[in-house]
Protein backbone atom coordinates (compact mmCIF):
# COMPACT_ATOMS: atom_id res chain seq x y z
CA MET A 1 112.76 92.85 61.63
CA LEU A 2 116.16 94.49 61.20
CA GLN A 3 118.32 95.04 64.28
CA ALA A 4 118.06 98.82 63.98
CA ALA A 5 114.30 98.73 63.86
CA LEU A 6 114.08 96.31 66.76
CA ALA A 7 116.48 98.46 68.79
CA ARG A 8 114.28 101.51 68.22
CA ALA A 9 111.19 99.57 69.31
CA LEU A 10 112.95 98.38 72.50
CA GLY A 11 114.62 101.70 73.27
CA VAL A 12 118.11 100.18 73.20
CA SER A 13 121.14 100.38 70.92
CA PRO A 14 121.62 98.11 67.90
CA SER A 15 124.72 96.68 69.52
CA HIS A 16 122.64 95.69 72.54
CA VAL A 17 120.29 93.81 70.24
CA SER A 18 123.24 92.16 68.58
CA ASN A 19 124.61 90.95 71.91
CA LEU A 20 121.20 89.54 72.82
CA GLU A 21 120.98 87.66 69.53
CA ARG A 22 124.52 86.24 69.97
CA GLY A 23 123.84 85.19 73.56
CA ARG A 24 126.47 87.57 74.96
CA ARG A 25 123.94 89.31 77.22
CA ASP A 26 120.77 88.20 78.96
CA PRO A 27 117.73 90.35 78.36
CA ALA A 28 116.47 92.55 81.18
CA LEU A 29 113.06 91.33 82.38
CA SER A 30 111.59 94.70 81.49
CA LEU A 31 112.49 94.07 77.84
CA LEU A 32 110.56 90.85 77.52
CA PRO A 33 107.04 92.29 77.01
CA GLU A 34 108.43 94.95 74.68
CA LEU A 35 110.16 92.21 72.66
CA ASP A 36 106.91 90.25 72.41
CA LYS A 37 105.14 93.42 71.32
CA ALA A 38 107.72 94.35 68.69
CA LEU A 39 107.90 90.83 67.20
CA GLU A 40 104.17 90.16 67.68
CA THR A 41 104.93 86.91 69.48
CA ASP A 42 101.88 86.90 71.81
CA ASP A 43 103.79 86.97 75.16
CA TYR A 44 106.05 84.06 74.07
CA PHE A 45 109.21 85.49 75.68
CA VAL A 46 107.42 86.34 78.94
CA ARG A 47 105.95 82.86 79.19
CA LEU A 48 109.27 81.26 78.25
CA TRP A 49 111.00 83.14 81.07
CA ASP A 50 108.44 81.91 83.57
CA GLU A 51 108.80 78.32 82.33
CA LEU A 52 112.58 78.41 82.44
CA THR A 53 112.95 80.04 85.83
CA GLY A 54 109.72 79.42 87.71
CA THR A 55 110.26 82.80 89.39
CA GLY A 56 108.44 85.13 87.05
CA ARG A 57 106.44 87.21 89.54
CA GLN A 58 109.15 87.41 92.16
CA ALA A 59 111.64 88.42 89.44
CA TRP A 60 109.42 91.28 88.40
CA LEU A 61 109.07 92.39 92.01
CA ASP A 62 112.78 92.23 92.61
CA GLU A 63 113.51 94.26 89.49
CA ILE A 64 111.02 97.05 90.23
CA THR A 65 112.23 97.20 93.83
CA THR A 66 115.81 97.69 92.62
CA LEU A 67 114.77 100.28 90.07
CA THR A 68 112.73 102.16 92.69
CA HIS A 69 115.55 102.39 95.20
CA GLU A 70 118.13 103.40 92.53
CA ALA A 71 115.84 106.03 90.99
CA SER A 72 116.29 109.79 91.15
CA VAL A 73 112.55 110.56 91.30
CA ILE A 74 109.44 108.44 91.79
CA PHE A 75 106.05 109.69 90.52
CA GLU A 76 103.35 107.32 91.77
CA TYR A 77 99.54 107.22 91.69
CA GLN A 78 97.65 104.95 94.05
CA THR A 79 93.90 104.55 94.46
CA LEU A 80 93.36 102.51 97.62
CA VAL A 81 96.38 102.45 99.93
CA PHE A 82 99.73 104.04 100.59
CA PRO A 83 102.51 102.27 98.61
CA ALA A 84 104.62 99.62 100.39
CA TYR A 85 107.70 101.85 100.75
CA LEU A 86 105.61 104.31 102.82
CA GLN A 87 103.88 101.84 105.12
CA THR A 88 104.32 101.40 108.84
CA GLU A 89 104.66 97.86 110.20
CA ALA A 90 101.09 97.73 111.61
CA TYR A 91 99.54 99.18 108.49
CA SER A 92 101.51 96.78 106.29
CA ARG A 93 100.47 93.81 108.42
CA ALA A 94 96.79 94.82 108.21
CA LEU A 95 97.01 95.17 104.44
CA VAL A 96 98.71 91.80 103.93
CA ARG A 97 96.26 89.99 106.28
CA HIS A 98 93.23 91.53 104.52
CA GLY A 99 94.58 91.31 101.01
CA VAL A 100 96.06 87.77 101.12
CA PRO A 101 93.97 86.02 103.82
CA TRP A 102 95.23 82.52 102.91
CA LEU A 103 98.79 83.23 104.02
CA THR A 104 99.98 81.57 107.19
CA PRO A 105 101.04 83.84 110.16
CA ALA A 106 104.66 83.03 109.35
CA GLU A 107 104.22 84.05 105.73
CA VAL A 108 102.48 87.27 106.76
CA THR A 109 105.33 88.09 109.09
CA GLU A 110 107.92 87.47 106.37
CA ARG A 111 106.17 89.72 103.85
CA VAL A 112 105.73 92.49 106.41
CA LYS A 113 109.37 92.20 107.43
CA VAL A 114 110.53 92.80 103.85
CA ARG A 115 108.17 95.78 103.39
CA VAL A 116 109.18 97.38 106.66
CA SER A 117 112.89 97.02 105.85
CA ARG A 118 112.41 98.69 102.45
CA ALA A 119 110.26 101.46 103.95
CA ARG A 120 112.90 102.23 106.59
CA ASP A 121 115.62 102.37 103.93
CA MET A 122 113.46 104.71 101.85
CA ALA A 123 112.75 107.01 104.78
CA LYS A 124 116.45 107.37 105.67
CA ALA A 125 117.65 107.90 102.12
CA ILE A 126 118.06 111.29 100.48
CA SER A 127 116.90 109.97 97.11
CA PRO A 128 114.81 109.17 95.22
CA GLN A 129 112.57 112.17 95.51
CA LEU A 130 109.02 110.91 96.10
CA TRP A 131 105.86 112.45 94.63
CA LEU A 132 102.66 110.53 95.39
CA ILE A 133 99.13 111.16 94.22
CA VAL A 134 96.53 109.18 96.07
CA ASP A 135 92.75 109.16 96.17
CA GLN A 136 91.32 111.01 99.18
CA THR A 137 89.21 108.03 100.08
CA VAL A 138 92.40 106.40 101.41
CA LEU A 139 91.77 108.51 104.54
CA ALA A 140 88.45 106.72 105.18
CA ARG A 141 89.71 103.20 104.74
CA ARG A 142 90.32 101.55 108.08
CA TYR A 143 92.96 98.90 107.59
CA GLY A 144 93.61 97.73 111.12
CA SER A 145 92.64 99.57 114.23
CA SER A 146 92.26 103.34 114.67
CA ASP A 147 95.70 103.37 116.29
CA THR A 148 97.12 101.66 113.15
CA VAL A 149 95.57 104.28 110.84
CA ARG A 150 96.64 107.12 113.13
CA GLU A 151 100.24 105.84 113.13
CA GLN A 152 100.22 105.47 109.33
CA LEU A 153 98.87 108.96 108.69
CA SER A 154 101.25 110.51 111.26
CA TYR A 155 104.13 108.74 109.55
CA VAL A 156 103.16 110.11 106.11
CA ALA A 157 102.59 113.61 107.56
CA GLY A 158 106.05 113.48 109.15
CA LEU A 159 107.71 112.56 105.86
CA ILE A 160 105.87 115.46 104.16
CA GLU A 161 106.96 117.96 106.81
CA ARG A 162 110.57 116.74 106.60
CA GLY A 163 110.52 117.40 102.87
CA ARG A 164 111.10 113.72 102.07
CA LEU A 165 107.73 113.25 100.41
CA MET A 166 105.30 115.28 98.34
CA VAL A 167 101.66 114.14 98.41
CA GLN A 168 98.57 115.31 96.54
CA MET A 169 95.12 113.88 96.94
CA ILE A 170 92.38 113.49 94.36
CA PRO A 171 89.17 114.86 96.01
CA ALA A 172 86.77 112.08 96.92
CA ASP A 173 83.99 113.82 94.98
CA ALA A 174 86.02 114.07 91.77
CA HIS A 175 83.99 111.52 89.84
CA ARG A 176 85.91 112.05 86.61
CA HIS A 177 89.68 112.23 86.52
CA PRO A 178 92.58 110.63 84.52
CA GLY A 179 93.31 107.96 87.15
CA THR A 180 90.45 105.59 86.35
CA SER A 181 92.81 103.20 84.60
CA GLY A 182 94.42 102.27 87.90
CA PRO A 183 97.65 102.82 89.84
CA PHE A 184 101.09 103.22 88.27
CA ARG A 185 104.62 104.25 89.10
CA VAL A 186 106.94 106.30 86.90
CA VAL A 187 110.58 105.61 87.78
CA ALA A 188 112.97 108.34 86.66
CA THR A 189 116.74 107.83 86.93
CA TYR A 190 119.25 110.44 85.79
CA GLY A 191 121.19 109.19 82.80
CA SER A 192 118.72 106.38 82.00
CA PRO A 193 115.37 106.21 80.27
CA ASP A 194 112.30 106.45 82.48
CA VAL A 195 110.29 103.29 83.05
CA VAL A 196 106.75 102.68 84.26
CA TYR A 197 105.52 99.94 86.60
CA VAL A 198 101.88 98.86 86.65
CA GLU A 199 100.54 96.02 88.75
CA SER A 200 97.28 94.09 89.07
CA ALA A 201 96.32 91.49 91.68
CA HIS A 202 98.00 88.77 89.64
CA GLU A 203 100.90 90.30 87.75
CA GLY A 204 103.23 93.23 87.38
CA GLN A 205 104.58 94.79 84.22
CA ILE A 206 107.54 97.11 83.62
CA ILE A 207 106.99 99.35 80.59
CA THR A 208 109.99 100.76 78.80
CA ALA A 209 108.72 101.86 75.37
CA ALA A 210 109.27 105.60 75.22
CA ALA A 211 105.86 106.45 73.75
CA ASP A 212 104.01 104.49 76.44
CA VAL A 213 106.14 105.99 79.22
CA ASP A 214 105.38 109.50 77.89
CA ARG A 215 101.65 108.74 78.12
CA TYR A 216 101.96 107.84 81.79
CA ARG A 217 103.93 111.02 82.47
CA LEU A 218 101.07 112.97 80.83
CA TRP A 219 98.61 111.08 82.96
CA PHE A 220 100.47 111.99 86.09
CA THR A 221 100.58 115.67 85.07
CA ALA A 222 96.85 115.58 84.47
CA LEU A 223 96.27 114.00 87.90
CA GLN A 224 98.35 116.75 89.49
CA SER A 225 96.01 119.30 87.99
CA ALA A 226 92.94 117.45 89.29
CA ALA A 227 94.36 117.00 92.81
CA PHE A 228 94.50 119.17 95.93
CA THR A 229 97.72 121.11 96.33
CA PRO A 230 100.37 119.53 98.59
CA GLU A 231 99.52 122.15 101.27
CA VAL A 232 95.79 121.35 101.17
CA THR A 233 96.56 117.63 101.17
CA LEU A 234 98.58 117.89 104.35
CA CYS A 235 95.73 119.81 105.98
CA GLU A 236 93.32 117.00 104.98
CA ILE A 237 95.67 114.45 106.62
CA ARG A 238 95.90 116.54 109.79
CA ASP A 239 92.09 116.91 109.87
CA GLU A 240 91.71 113.15 109.67
CA LEU A 241 94.25 112.71 112.46
CA ARG A 242 92.20 115.07 114.67
CA LYS A 243 89.08 113.02 113.92
CA LEU A 244 90.93 109.86 114.96
CA ASP A 245 92.04 111.55 118.17
CA HIS A 246 88.46 112.46 119.03
CA GLU A 247 87.39 108.83 118.35
CA HIS A 248 90.06 107.67 120.76
CA GLU A 249 88.87 109.93 123.59
């Protein structure tokens, strides 16, 4: 494949490809799956990176964390929980303990510490702007005690009322909507191409190909149309908080 064609496939300049070939620059982790796709190498470059560094998953996590905090706008869809950068300490601890039950108490504490630090930084920052779409059933999931859930929902409601966060919920009875493929995050940064992050239980992937990123933007727009308005969503959160207050009485 010619440099110009490969550059178009990767969404970079021909000179960038030339520098990669000559060893003058290391490839960004987000380019590796796109390189495998363009050259039809069956994940060779992704596997090679893991073999050479032994830090594949952590490297992906570090890169998407950096991209998220440097972004201008985050558009995210979640199905089961609030994303890590919006979690309280108690909610985060409950999620880690339930989701990764084999961790030692010290390992749980370390993971929670990192999440809480990032969440605090995100709450204090002016940017990125945050737009979250989440399934309404997140309100009914009791991770931790009622106090834990109440604190988490109050925290999210506070961010909404401050204008730091925009949230829409997909109605629980919406059996058909565009989010059935799972959660994703669109990271938009002024002056740079948008990227998408998708994650399963075992791996994460950063998508940079322009055509694929455009599809996720369209999915997000479709989800916005299927969701409650931000105003109705805040009312739903407040209603759930009132229910929790009654349970506590």
